[in-house]
Structure formats: C-alpha cells, structure tokens
Amino acid sequence: MDKKEGTLHHLQKGIIILSIIILVVILLLGLVAEVDRFIRVIWGVEKGVIWQKQELSGYLKKEVESLIYYYSKDHIVYPVAATIDPKSGKILSEVNGEIIDITANLKSIFNAEENTELKAIKYRINPHLYREDLEKITKVIGTYKTIITGRKERRENIRIAAEFINNQIILAGDIFSFNEVVGPRTKKRGFKEAPEIINGELSLGIGGGICQVSSTLFNALKADRFQIIERHTHSRDISYVPDGKDATVAWEYLDFKFKNNFAKPIIIKVEIVGNQLIIKILGSSELN
C-alpha cells in the first residue's frame, strides 16, 4: 500500500468512527429524551394544566417553583396605610397589599387533575393603619394657643410651619421630629427672612418665627403624658409662652422631638384663627 492509499484508508476509517460516535450520541440523546419524558409523565404536572394562562404540562417541581417565583416578583402589590390629606384633612382609605403564595400555588398545581385551569393563590398583606383606626382619633388630649405678632414675614413663616405639622399622624411608639417634618428653612421652600433669637440677640434669619409653632406644640402635648426626647429653650425669654415653656429649633442644630408613648396613634391638628395659633393633639376615643 503506497502513501496515498494509506492516507485514504485512515481518512475512511476516521469517517466511520466519527459516524459511529454521532450515531451513539443521537441514540443517547434519544434515550435521555425518553427518560426525561418518562420522568415528566410520572412526576411532572398533569397534562393540560394551565396556571395564569400558561400551560404547565410535564413541568417538574423545580421548574414550576422557579416560574411562580419570578411571576410573584412582578406581581407584588404593596399595602398603603390609611392617611390624612395634609391640606383638606380628609381621611384617605387604606389599600390592601397582596403577594403570590409560592407554596400554596405549587401544591395546587401538582394536585390539579388533567385539563384544569388555575388562578394564582394570593396572600393578603394588611396595611398598618386602617381608615377606621383614624376615624377613632377624635378625642382632644391636649391643646394650646398662642398669639401671633410681628411683621408679615414672621407670620408667613409660622403659617408655612403650621401647615407642615398639621394632620401629622404619629404611630404608637414613634418619635416626632419637628425638623424632619418641617424640613430646611429656605427661600426656595417659601420661608421668609424675619427676626429670630441668636445668642440672646434678635437677628434676621430665614424662617424666623417658627419657634412659636414648636413651642405651641410643646405646650399642647402636656409633657407629663408624652416622653420629650429633645427640647431646647431660647437664650432669652419670649412673650408667647410662659418662661421655660418654649422649644426653640434650628435646622441641623436644635430640634424638638417627642415620643408617642400611647398604645394608639395620635394626630396633630393646627389652625390659625385671626391672630391665634391653635394646636390640638387628638387621641383615640378609647384612650383614658
């Protein structure tokens, strides 16, 4: 056999071996497919079972579990607690949330008979506050009023701060922060330049006058009924509350904080009637 014939012989032999390998692979794949089909018939979802408009015939447990998991991620409805419209004072009803119950749906799908159409089983998530809870908060447990004086800029600052804290709901155990609720005192947010006390002297500052709101709130709380977390007095006496009964605030420096240590939420109500700033603290009618 010359060199050319030897090369041809080896090439033919290689083709035969490759063909045999391919044939074996095909047979093995076919066998694997048959085994897979057998497994799905025995342990998979029954034929014709549809869940959320998707046919799951022959799906195995891990596949169904994965499908439900990814479906549930896209169909979460988060609960929204009942609240109060800050401007109108109207109670806005809660919205219940819901999430897909993976375990219950998995069980339902694998227990389903042939040609059954299923809907997702959902688990309800309750909001932490319902409309009926807020409707019970009607009892005045503290009130205080002060007289508003001074230039129009000061009056405007008091009005803005009063609007921010009006209709605030403080849940049981929560801490109210005046600075967090009212926010930065800037011209962009509507606050004006007005007199304020700094180191015992009157100076002009953006938001001057809002300490009257925090001080009126402090007196409305009846401190013996609430836990005062942070309070600071002015560096000189002021006229709108008795000596030592004030609560000065300064953005990022001095805050007024208190804790609602009742077992139920409370609501802060603020109104300006003529030259009077009136703050009421409302509690549940169930409170003693």
C-alpha atoms as a PDB file:
ATOM      1  CA  MET A   1       0.000   0.000   0.000  1.00  0.00           C
ATOM      2  CA  ASP A   2       1.566   3.285  -1.057  1.00  0.00           C
ATOM      3  CA  LYS A   3       1.451   6.505   0.964  1.00  0.00           C
ATOM      4  CA  LYS A   4      -1.576   7.887  -0.879  1.00  0.00           C
ATOM      5  CA  GLU A   5      -3.645   4.768  -0.333  1.00  0.00           C
ATOM      6  CA  GLY A   6      -2.671   4.716   3.360  1.00  0.00           C
ATOM      7  CA  THR A   7      -3.835   8.256   3.838  1.00  0.00           C
ATOM      8  CA  LEU A   8      -7.158   7.468   2.126  1.00  0.00           C
ATOM      9  CA  HIS A   9      -7.576   4.391   4.284  1.00  0.00           C
ATOM     10  CA  HIS A  10      -7.038   6.360   7.505  1.00  0.00           C
ATOM     11  CA  LEU A  11      -9.471   9.052   6.322  1.00  0.00           C
ATOM     12  CA  GLN A  12     -12.176   6.471   5.614  1.00  0.00           C
ATOM     13  CA  LYS A  13     -11.552   4.841   8.975  1.00  0.00           C
ATOM     14  CA  GLY A  14     -11.856   8.206  10.694  1.00  0.00           C
ATOM     15  CA  ILE A  15     -15.147   8.953   8.941  1.00  0.00           C
ATOM     16  CA  ILE A  16     -16.543   5.585  10.009  1.00  0.00           C
ATOM     17  CA  ILE A  17     -15.512   6.155  13.648  1.00  0.00           C
ATOM     18  CA  LEU A  18     -16.990   9.684  13.625  1.00  0.00           C
ATOM     19  CA  SER A  19     -20.220   8.346  12.127  1.00  0.00           C
ATOM     20  CA  ILE A  20     -20.404   5.712  14.848  1.00  0.00           C
ATOM     21  CA  ILE A  21     -19.833   8.366  17.543  1.00  0.00           C
ATOM     22  CA  ILE A  22     -22.535  10.596  16.071  1.00  0.00           C
ATOM     23  CA  LEU A  23     -24.929   7.666  15.917  1.00  0.00           C
ATOM     24  CA  VAL A  24     -24.205   6.762  19.533  1.00  0.00           C
ATOM     25  CA  VAL A  25     -24.727  10.368  20.596  1.00  0.00           C
ATOM     26  CA  ILE A  26     -28.047  10.501  18.762  1.00  0.00           C
ATOM     27  CA  LEU A  27     -29.131   7.267  20.383  1.00  0.00           C
ATOM     28  CA  LEU A  28     -28.068   8.528  23.810  1.00  0.00           C
ATOM     29  CA  LEU A  29     -29.869  11.828  23.286  1.00  0.00           C
ATOM     30  CA  GLY A  30     -32.939   9.958  22.230  1.00  0.00           C
ATOM     31  CA  LEU A  31     -32.643   7.761  25.280  1.00  0.00           C
ATOM     32  CA  VAL A  32     -32.189  10.805  27.525  1.00  0.00           C
ATOM     33  CA  ALA A  33     -35.227  12.438  25.912  1.00  0.00           C
ATOM     34  CA  GLU A  34     -37.260   9.309  26.509  1.00  0.00           C
ATOM     35  CA  VAL A  35     -36.100   9.137  30.124  1.00  0.00           C
ATOM     36  CA  ASP A  36     -36.928  12.847  30.590  1.00  0.00           C
ATOM     37  CA  ARG A  37     -40.370  12.322  29.088  1.00  0.00           C
ATOM     38  CA  PHE A  38     -40.917   9.309  31.337  1.00  0.00           C
ATOM     39  CA  ILE A  39     -39.909  11.318  34.420  1.00  0.00           C
ATOM     40  CA  ARG A  40     -42.251  14.165  33.440  1.00  0.00           C
ATOM     41  CA  VAL A  41     -45.151  11.782  32.906  1.00  0.00           C
ATOM     42  CA  ILE A  42     -44.601  10.213  36.325  1.00  0.00           C
ATOM     43  CA  TRP A  43     -43.610  13.226  38.430  1.00  0.00           C
ATOM     44  CA  GLY A  44     -44.490  16.244  36.310  1.00  0.00           C
ATOM     45  CA  VAL A  45     -47.616  18.402  36.147  1.00  0.00           C
ATOM     46  CA  GLU A  46     -50.646  16.658  34.685  1.00  0.00           C
ATOM     47  CA  LYS A  47     -51.428  17.168  31.009  1.00  0.00           C
ATOM     48  CA  GLY A  48     -53.405  20.292  30.145  1.00  0.00           C
ATOM     49  CA  VAL A  49     -52.937  22.054  33.489  1.00  0.00           C
ATOM     50  CA  ILE A  50     -52.903  25.817  32.935  1.00  0.00           C
ATOM     51  CA  TRP A  51     -51.783  28.342  35.571  1.00  0.00           C
ATOM     52  CA  GLN A  52     -52.175  32.037  34.905  1.00  0.00           C
ATOM     53  CA  LYS A  53     -52.795  31.278  31.201  1.00  0.00           C
ATOM     54  CA  GLN A  54     -49.568  29.282  30.870  1.00  0.00           C
ATOM     55  CA  GLU A  55     -49.689  25.552  30.152  1.00  0.00           C
ATOM     56  CA  LEU A  56     -47.530  23.534  32.516  1.00  0.00           C
ATOM     57  CA  SER A  57     -47.967  20.001  31.185  1.00  0.00           C
ATOM     58  CA  GLY A  58     -44.996  17.891  32.304  1.00  0.00           C
ATOM     59  CA  TYR A  59     -43.273  20.687  34.239  1.00  0.00           C
ATOM     60  CA  LEU A  60     -41.180  19.395  37.129  1.00  0.00           C
ATOM     61  CA  LYS A  61     -41.256  20.813  40.639  1.00  0.00           C
ATOM     62  CA  LYS A  62     -38.138  22.988  40.359  1.00  0.00           C
ATOM     63  CA  GLU A  63     -39.359  24.430  37.051  1.00  0.00           C
ATOM     64  CA  VAL A  64     -42.785  25.282  38.466  1.00  0.00           C
ATOM     65  CA  GLU A  65     -41.252  26.749  41.615  1.00  0.00           C
ATOM     66  CA  SER A  66     -38.970  28.975  39.537  1.00  0.00           C
ATOM     67  CA  LEU A  67     -41.866  30.067  37.329  1.00  0.00           C
ATOM     68  CA  ILE A  68     -44.023  31.031  40.319  1.00  0.00           C
ATOM     69  CA  TYR A  69     -41.135  32.853  41.992  1.00  0.00           C
ATOM     70  CA  TYR A  70     -40.399  35.096  39.005  1.00  0.00           C
ATOM     71  CA  TYR A  71     -44.105  35.685  38.391  1.00  0.00           C
ATOM     72  CA  SER A  72     -44.574  36.708  42.042  1.00  0.00           C
ATOM     73  CA  LYS A  73     -41.742  39.257  41.844  1.00  0.00           C
ATOM     74  CA  ASP A  74     -43.587  41.109  39.082  1.00  0.00           C
ATOM     75  CA  HIS A  75     -46.994  40.975  40.765  1.00  0.00           C
ATOM     76  CA  ILE A  76     -46.411  42.299  44.267  1.00  0.00           C
ATOM     77  CA  VAL A  77     -48.932  44.899  45.413  1.00  0.00           C
ATOM     78  CA  TYR A  78     -47.558  46.816  48.383  1.00  0.00           C
ATOM     79  CA  PRO A  79     -50.027  47.865  51.083  1.00  0.00           C
ATOM     80  CA  VAL A  80     -50.761  51.550  51.619  1.00  0.00           C
ATOM     81  CA  ALA A  81     -51.847  52.648  55.074  1.00  0.00           C
ATOM     82  CA  ALA A  82     -54.781  54.959  55.605  1.00  0.00           C
ATOM     83  CA  THR A  83     -53.636  58.539  55.967  1.00  0.00           C
ATOM     84  CA  ILE A  84     -54.868  62.110  56.139  1.00  0.00           C
ATOM     85  CA  ASP A  85     -54.711  64.582  53.289  1.00  0.00           C
ATOM     86  CA  PRO A  86     -52.429  67.292  54.710  1.00  0.00           C
ATOM     87  CA  LYS A  87     -54.399  70.149  53.167  1.00  0.00           C
ATOM     88  CA  SER A  88     -58.035  69.092  53.387  1.00  0.00           C
ATOM     89  CA  GLY A  89     -57.763  66.936  56.495  1.00  0.00           C
ATOM     90  CA  LYS A  90     -59.823  64.260  54.744  1.00  0.00           C
ATOM     91  CA  ILE A  91     -59.095  60.652  55.684  1.00  0.00           C
ATOM     92  CA  LEU A  92     -57.784  58.648  52.736  1.00  0.00           C
ATOM     93  CA  SER A  93     -58.620  54.945  52.867  1.00  0.00           C
ATOM     94  CA  GLU A  94     -56.036  52.208  53.017  1.00  0.00           C
ATOM     95  CA  VAL A  95     -55.112  49.859  50.176  1.00  0.00           C
ATOM     96  CA  ASN A  96     -54.519  46.190  50.947  1.00  0.00           C
ATOM     97  CA  GLY A  97     -51.414  44.598  49.503  1.00  0.00           C
ATOM     98  CA  GLU A  98     -51.000  41.104  48.107  1.00  0.00           C
ATOM     99  CA  ILE A  99     -48.267  38.677  47.197  1.00  0.00           C
ATOM    100  CA  ILE A 100     -48.290  35.334  45.390  1.00  0.00           C
ATOM    101  CA  ASP A 101     -48.198  32.407  47.823  1.00  0.00           C
ATOM    102  CA  ILE A 102     -45.489  30.222  46.270  1.00  0.00           C
ATOM    103  CA  THR A 103     -46.061  27.167  48.482  1.00  0.00           C
ATOM    104  CA  ALA A 104     -49.847  27.149  48.063  1.00  0.00           C
ATOM    105  CA  ASN A 105     -49.623  27.610  44.295  1.00  0.00           C
ATOM    106  CA  LEU A 106     -47.040  24.845  43.939  1.00  0.00           C
ATOM    107  CA  LYS A 107     -49.270  22.451  45.848  1.00  0.00           C
ATOM    108  CA  SER A 108     -52.335  23.490  43.855  1.00  0.00           C
ATOM    109  CA  ILE A 109     -50.612  22.946  40.508  1.00  0.00           C
ATOM    110  CA  PHE A 110     -49.302  19.472  41.352  1.00  0.00           C
ATOM    111  CA  ASN A 111     -52.632  18.409  42.858  1.00  0.00           C
ATOM    112  CA  ALA A 112     -54.553  19.561  39.776  1.00  0.00           C
ATOM    113  CA  GLU A 113     -56.174  16.998  37.514  1.00  0.00           C
ATOM    114  CA  GLU A 114     -55.765  16.973  33.721  1.00  0.00           C
ATOM    115  CA  ASN A 115     -57.119  19.930  31.744  1.00  0.00           C
ATOM    116  CA  THR A 116     -57.544  22.163  34.770  1.00  0.00           C
ATOM    117  CA  GLU A 117     -57.160  25.933  34.602  1.00  0.00           C
ATOM    118  CA  LEU A 118     -55.887  27.574  37.770  1.00  0.00           C
ATOM    119  CA  LYS A 119     -55.559  31.125  39.020  1.00  0.00           C
ATOM    120  CA  ALA A 120     -52.791  32.315  41.285  1.00  0.00           C
ATOM    121  CA  ILE A 121     -53.397  31.947  45.004  1.00  0.00           C
ATOM    122  CA  LYS A 122     -52.565  35.243  46.666  1.00  0.00           C
ATOM    123  CA  TYR A 123     -51.686  36.141  50.233  1.00  0.00           C
ATOM    124  CA  ARG A 124     -53.083  39.422  51.529  1.00  0.00           C
ATOM    125  CA  ILE A 125     -50.755  41.929  53.166  1.00  0.00           C
ATOM    126  CA  ASN A 126     -52.527  44.192  55.627  1.00  0.00           C
ATOM    127  CA  PRO A 127     -51.505  47.867  55.981  1.00  0.00           C
ATOM    128  CA  HIS A 128     -50.501  49.017  59.440  1.00  0.00           C
ATOM    129  CA  LEU A 129     -53.292  51.592  59.631  1.00  0.00           C
ATOM    130  CA  TYR A 130     -56.926  51.426  58.545  1.00  0.00           C
ATOM    131  CA  ARG A 131     -59.469  54.154  57.929  1.00  0.00           C
ATOM    132  CA  GLU A 132     -61.483  53.011  60.934  1.00  0.00           C
ATOM    133  CA  ASP A 133     -58.392  53.456  63.120  1.00  0.00           C
ATOM    134  CA  LEU A 134     -58.098  57.110  62.104  1.00  0.00           C
ATOM    135  CA  GLU A 135     -61.836  57.707  62.479  1.00  0.00           C
ATOM    136  CA  LYS A 136     -61.492  56.829  66.167  1.00  0.00           C
ATOM    137  CA  ILE A 137     -58.860  59.528  66.753  1.00  0.00           C
ATOM    138  CA  THR A 138     -61.207  62.298  67.803  1.00  0.00           C
ATOM    139  CA  LYS A 139     -60.534  62.867  71.490  1.00  0.00           C
ATOM    140  CA  VAL A 140     -58.693  66.085  72.349  1.00  0.00           C
ATOM    141  CA  ILE A 141     -55.958  65.035  74.779  1.00  0.00           C
ATOM    142  CA  GLY A 142     -54.050  68.311  74.651  1.00  0.00           C
ATOM    143  CA  THR A 143     -54.492  71.820  73.304  1.00  0.00           C
ATOM    144  CA  TYR A 144     -52.702  75.177  73.441  1.00  0.00           C
ATOM    145  CA  LYS A 145     -52.942  78.526  71.713  1.00  0.00           C
ATOM    146  CA  THR A 146     -50.577  81.468  71.336  1.00  0.00           C
ATOM    147  CA  ILE A 147     -50.974  84.958  69.896  1.00  0.00           C
ATOM    148  CA  ILE A 148     -49.142  85.688  66.637  1.00  0.00           C
ATOM    149  CA  THR A 149     -47.455  89.078  66.472  1.00  0.00           C
ATOM    150  CA  GLY A 150     -44.787  90.747  64.383  1.00  0.00           C
ATOM    151  CA  ARG A 151     -44.199  91.551  60.745  1.00  0.00           C
ATOM    152  CA  LYS A 152     -45.881  89.759  57.846  1.00  0.00           C
ATOM    153  CA  GLU A 153     -42.754  87.727  57.041  1.00  0.00           C
ATOM    154  CA  ARG A 154     -42.790  86.218  60.518  1.00  0.00           C
ATOM    155  CA  ARG A 155     -46.490  85.425  60.215  1.00  0.00           C
ATOM    156  CA  GLU A 156     -45.870  83.737  56.871  1.00  0.00           C
ATOM    157  CA  ASN A 157     -43.136  81.529  58.347  1.00  0.00           C
ATOM    158  CA  ILE A 158     -45.494  80.488  61.137  1.00  0.00           C
ATOM    159  CA  ARG A 159     -48.211  79.683  58.596  1.00  0.00           C
ATOM    160  CA  ILE A 160     -45.869  77.505  56.497  1.00  0.00           C
ATOM    161  CA  ALA A 161     -44.536  75.579  59.505  1.00  0.00           C
ATOM    162  CA  ALA A 162     -48.081  75.130  60.822  1.00  0.00           C
ATOM    163  CA  GLU A 163     -49.163  73.601  57.501  1.00  0.00           C
ATOM    164  CA  PHE A 164     -46.308  71.110  57.626  1.00  0.00           C
ATOM    165  CA  ILE A 165     -47.185  69.730  61.039  1.00  0.00           C
ATOM    166  CA  ASN A 166     -50.963  69.911  60.599  1.00  0.00           C
ATOM    167  CA  ASN A 167     -52.581  66.459  60.204  1.00  0.00           C
ATOM    168  CA  GLN A 168     -49.376  64.638  61.077  1.00  0.00           C
ATOM    169  CA  ILE A 169     -50.034  61.086  62.309  1.00  0.00           C
ATOM    170  CA  ILE A 170     -47.645  59.744  64.933  1.00  0.00           C
ATOM    171  CA  LEU A 171     -47.951  55.992  65.390  1.00  0.00           C
ATOM    172  CA  ALA A 172     -47.668  54.281  68.755  1.00  0.00           C
ATOM    173  CA  GLY A 173     -44.036  54.232  69.821  1.00  0.00           C
ATOM    174  CA  ASP A 174     -42.904  56.552  67.006  1.00  0.00           C
ATOM    175  CA  ILE A 175     -40.840  59.696  67.519  1.00  0.00           C
ATOM    176  CA  PHE A 176     -41.922  63.018  66.011  1.00  0.00           C
ATOM    177  CA  SER A 177     -39.112  65.322  64.872  1.00  0.00           C
ATOM    178  CA  PHE A 178     -40.045  68.928  64.163  1.00  0.00           C
ATOM    179  CA  ASN A 179     -37.055  69.410  61.859  1.00  0.00           C
ATOM    180  CA  GLU A 180     -37.774  66.262  59.868  1.00  0.00           C
ATOM    181  CA  VAL A 181     -41.405  67.254  59.323  1.00  0.00           C
ATOM    182  CA  VAL A 182     -40.906  70.957  58.612  1.00  0.00           C
ATOM    183  CA  GLY A 183     -37.653  70.490  56.719  1.00  0.00           C
ATOM    184  CA  PRO A 184     -34.995  73.061  55.771  1.00  0.00           C
ATOM    185  CA  ARG A 185     -35.960  76.694  56.144  1.00  0.00           C
ATOM    186  CA  THR A 186     -35.014  78.131  52.758  1.00  0.00           C
ATOM    187  CA  LYS A 187     -36.347  80.858  50.492  1.00  0.00           C
ATOM    188  CA  LYS A 188     -36.917  78.247  47.788  1.00  0.00           C
ATOM    189  CA  ARG A 189     -39.373  76.477  50.089  1.00  0.00           C
ATOM    190  CA  GLY A 190     -41.231  79.732  50.796  1.00  0.00           C
ATOM    191  CA  PHE A 191     -39.701  80.784  54.100  1.00  0.00           C
ATOM    192  CA  LYS A 192     -39.034  84.485  54.626  1.00  0.00           C
ATOM    193  CA  GLU A 193     -36.395  86.499  56.435  1.00  0.00           C
ATOM    194  CA  ALA A 194     -37.681  87.540  59.844  1.00  0.00           C
ATOM    195  CA  PRO A 195     -36.350  88.224  63.354  1.00  0.00           C
ATOM    196  CA  GLU A 196     -35.026  85.275  65.353  1.00  0.00           C
ATOM    197  CA  ILE A 197     -33.098  84.951  68.610  1.00  0.00           C
ATOM    198  CA  ILE A 198     -29.422  84.012  68.320  1.00  0.00           C
ATOM    199  CA  ASN A 199     -27.196  84.090  71.392  1.00  0.00           C
ATOM    200  CA  GLY A 200     -29.685  86.243  73.238  1.00  0.00           C
ATOM    201  CA  GLU A 201     -29.924  88.862  70.482  1.00  0.00           C
ATOM    202  CA  LEU A 202     -32.516  89.463  67.773  1.00  0.00           C
ATOM    203  CA  SER A 203     -31.172  88.865  64.280  1.00  0.00           C
ATOM    204  CA  LEU A 204     -32.690  88.385  60.849  1.00  0.00           C
ATOM    205  CA  GLY A 205     -32.803  84.806  59.622  1.00  0.00           C
ATOM    206  CA  ILE A 206     -34.685  82.689  57.087  1.00  0.00           C
ATOM    207  CA  GLY A 207     -37.608  81.088  58.878  1.00  0.00           C
ATOM    208  CA  GLY A 208     -37.605  83.436  61.854  1.00  0.00           C
ATOM    209  CA  GLY A 209     -40.699  82.927  63.982  1.00  0.00           C
ATOM    210  CA  ILE A 210     -41.282  79.195  63.541  1.00  0.00           C
ATOM    211  CA  CYS A 211     -40.129  78.569  67.117  1.00  0.00           C
ATOM    212  CA  GLN A 212     -43.577  79.812  68.074  1.00  0.00           C
ATOM    213  CA  VAL A 213     -45.012  76.757  66.315  1.00  0.00           C
ATOM    214  CA  SER A 214     -42.648  74.296  68.038  1.00  0.00           C
ATOM    215  CA  SER A 215     -43.231  75.999  71.408  1.00  0.00           C
ATOM    216  CA  THR A 216     -47.022  75.942  70.987  1.00  0.00           C
ATOM    217  CA  LEU A 217     -46.807  72.264  70.083  1.00  0.00           C
ATOM    218  CA  PHE A 218     -44.709  71.514  73.165  1.00  0.00           C
ATOM    219  CA  ASN A 219     -47.299  73.122  75.425  1.00  0.00           C
ATOM    220  CA  ALA A 220     -50.185  71.362  73.665  1.00  0.00           C
ATOM    221  CA  LEU A 221     -48.597  67.981  74.353  1.00  0.00           C
ATOM    222  CA  LYS A 222     -48.874  68.202  78.143  1.00  0.00           C
ATOM    223  CA  ALA A 223     -45.355  66.901  78.699  1.00  0.00           C
ATOM    224  CA  ASP A 224     -46.381  64.646  81.577  1.00  0.00           C
ATOM    225  CA  ARG A 225     -48.296  62.489  79.062  1.00  0.00           C
ATOM    226  CA  PHE A 226     -45.556  62.238  76.449  1.00  0.00           C
ATOM    227  CA  GLN A 227     -41.862  61.451  76.503  1.00  0.00           C
ATOM    228  CA  ILE A 228     -39.909  64.509  75.388  1.00  0.00           C
ATOM    229  CA  ILE A 229     -36.818  63.252  73.553  1.00  0.00           C
ATOM    230  CA  GLU A 230     -35.214  66.607  72.720  1.00  0.00           C
ATOM    231  CA  ARG A 231     -36.062  70.185  73.662  1.00  0.00           C
ATOM    232  CA  HIS A 232     -34.075  73.403  73.935  1.00  0.00           C
ATOM    233  CA  THR A 233     -35.046  76.756  75.422  1.00  0.00           C
ATOM    234  CA  HIS A 234     -34.270  80.138  73.908  1.00  0.00           C
ATOM    235  CA  SER A 235     -31.289  82.121  75.115  1.00  0.00           C
ATOM    236  CA  ARG A 236     -33.689  84.800  76.371  1.00  0.00           C
ATOM    237  CA  ASP A 237     -37.305  84.960  77.478  1.00  0.00           C
ATOM    238  CA  ILE A 238     -40.042  85.082  74.864  1.00  0.00           C
ATOM    239  CA  SER A 239     -43.511  86.545  75.126  1.00  0.00           C
ATOM    240  CA  TYR A 240     -45.847  83.976  73.589  1.00  0.00           C
ATOM    241  CA  VAL A 241     -45.398  81.182  76.206  1.00  0.00           C
ATOM    242  CA  PRO A 242     -44.514  81.236  79.937  1.00  0.00           C
ATOM    243  CA  ASP A 243     -40.839  81.318  80.904  1.00  0.00           C
ATOM    244  CA  GLY A 244     -39.158  77.942  80.483  1.00  0.00           C
ATOM    245  CA  LYS A 245     -42.049  76.543  78.442  1.00  0.00           C
ATOM    246  CA  ASP A 246     -40.594  77.194  74.999  1.00  0.00           C
ATOM    247  CA  ALA A 247     -38.978  74.872  72.457  1.00  0.00           C
ATOM    248  CA  THR A 248     -36.535  76.540  70.101  1.00  0.00           C
ATOM    249  CA  VAL A 249     -35.483  74.876  66.853  1.00  0.00           C
ATOM    250  CA  ALA A 250     -32.727  75.425  64.300  1.00  0.00           C
ATOM    251  CA  TRP A 251     -32.228  73.342  61.191  1.00  0.00           C
ATOM    252  CA  GLU A 252     -29.489  70.688  61.648  1.00  0.00           C
ATOM    253  CA  TYR A 253     -28.673  72.104  65.071  1.00  0.00           C
ATOM    254  CA  LEU A 254     -31.587  72.207  67.518  1.00  0.00           C
ATOM    255  CA  ASP A 255     -34.656  70.001  67.222  1.00  0.00           C
ATOM    256  CA  PHE A 256     -37.846  69.355  69.134  1.00  0.00           C
ATOM    257  CA  LYS A 257     -38.688  65.657  69.416  1.00  0.00           C
ATOM    258  CA  PHE A 258     -41.228  63.693  71.390  1.00  0.00           C
ATOM    259  CA  LYS A 259     -42.349  60.077  71.511  1.00  0.00           C
ATOM    260  CA  ASN A 260     -45.926  58.863  71.281  1.00  0.00           C
ATOM    261  CA  ASN A 261     -45.976  56.530  74.257  1.00  0.00           C
ATOM    262  CA  PHE A 262     -49.654  55.739  73.899  1.00  0.00           C
ATOM    263  CA  ALA A 263     -50.734  52.356  72.529  1.00  0.00           C
ATOM    264  CA  LYS A 264     -52.636  54.098  69.705  1.00  0.00           C
ATOM    265  CA  PRO A 265     -51.718  56.718  67.062  1.00  0.00           C
ATOM    266  CA  ILE A 266     -52.213  60.411  67.702  1.00  0.00           C
ATOM    267  CA  ILE A 267     -52.855  63.271  65.268  1.00  0.00           C
ATOM    268  CA  ILE A 268     -51.596  66.856  65.403  1.00  0.00           C
ATOM    269  CA  LYS A 269     -54.173  69.437  64.332  1.00  0.00           C
ATOM    270  CA  VAL A 270     -53.125  73.037  63.707  1.00  0.00           C
ATOM    271  CA  GLU A 271     -55.178  76.059  62.712  1.00  0.00           C
ATOM    272  CA  ILE A 272     -54.663  79.787  62.583  1.00  0.00           C
ATOM    273  CA  VAL A 273     -57.743  81.786  63.511  1.00  0.00           C
ATOM    274  CA  GLY A 274     -57.175  85.506  63.188  1.00  0.00           C
ATOM    275  CA  ASN A 275     -54.009  86.142  65.187  1.00  0.00           C
ATOM    276  CA  GLN A 276     -54.268  82.914  67.193  1.00  0.00           C
ATOM    277  CA  LEU A 277     -52.154  79.809  66.568  1.00  0.00           C
ATOM    278  CA  ILE A 278     -54.121  76.836  67.930  1.00  0.00           C
ATOM    279  CA  ILE A 279     -52.658  73.335  68.198  1.00  0.00           C
ATOM    280  CA  LYS A 280     -54.643  70.305  69.325  1.00  0.00           C
ATOM    281  CA  ILE A 281     -53.457  66.779  69.978  1.00  0.00           C
ATOM    282  CA  LEU A 282     -56.057  64.175  69.123  1.00  0.00           C
ATOM    283  CA  GLY A 283     -56.003  60.672  70.536  1.00  0.00           C
ATOM    284  CA  SER A 284     -58.143  57.594  70.179  1.00  0.00           C
ATOM    285  CA  SER A 285     -61.586  57.733  71.733  1.00  0.00           C
ATOM    286  CA  GLU A 286     -60.530  54.536  73.534  1.00  0.00           C
ATOM    287  CA  LEU A 287     -57.804  56.367  75.486  1.00  0.00           C
ATOM    288  CA  ASN A 288     -58.386  57.063  79.139  1.00  0.00           C
END
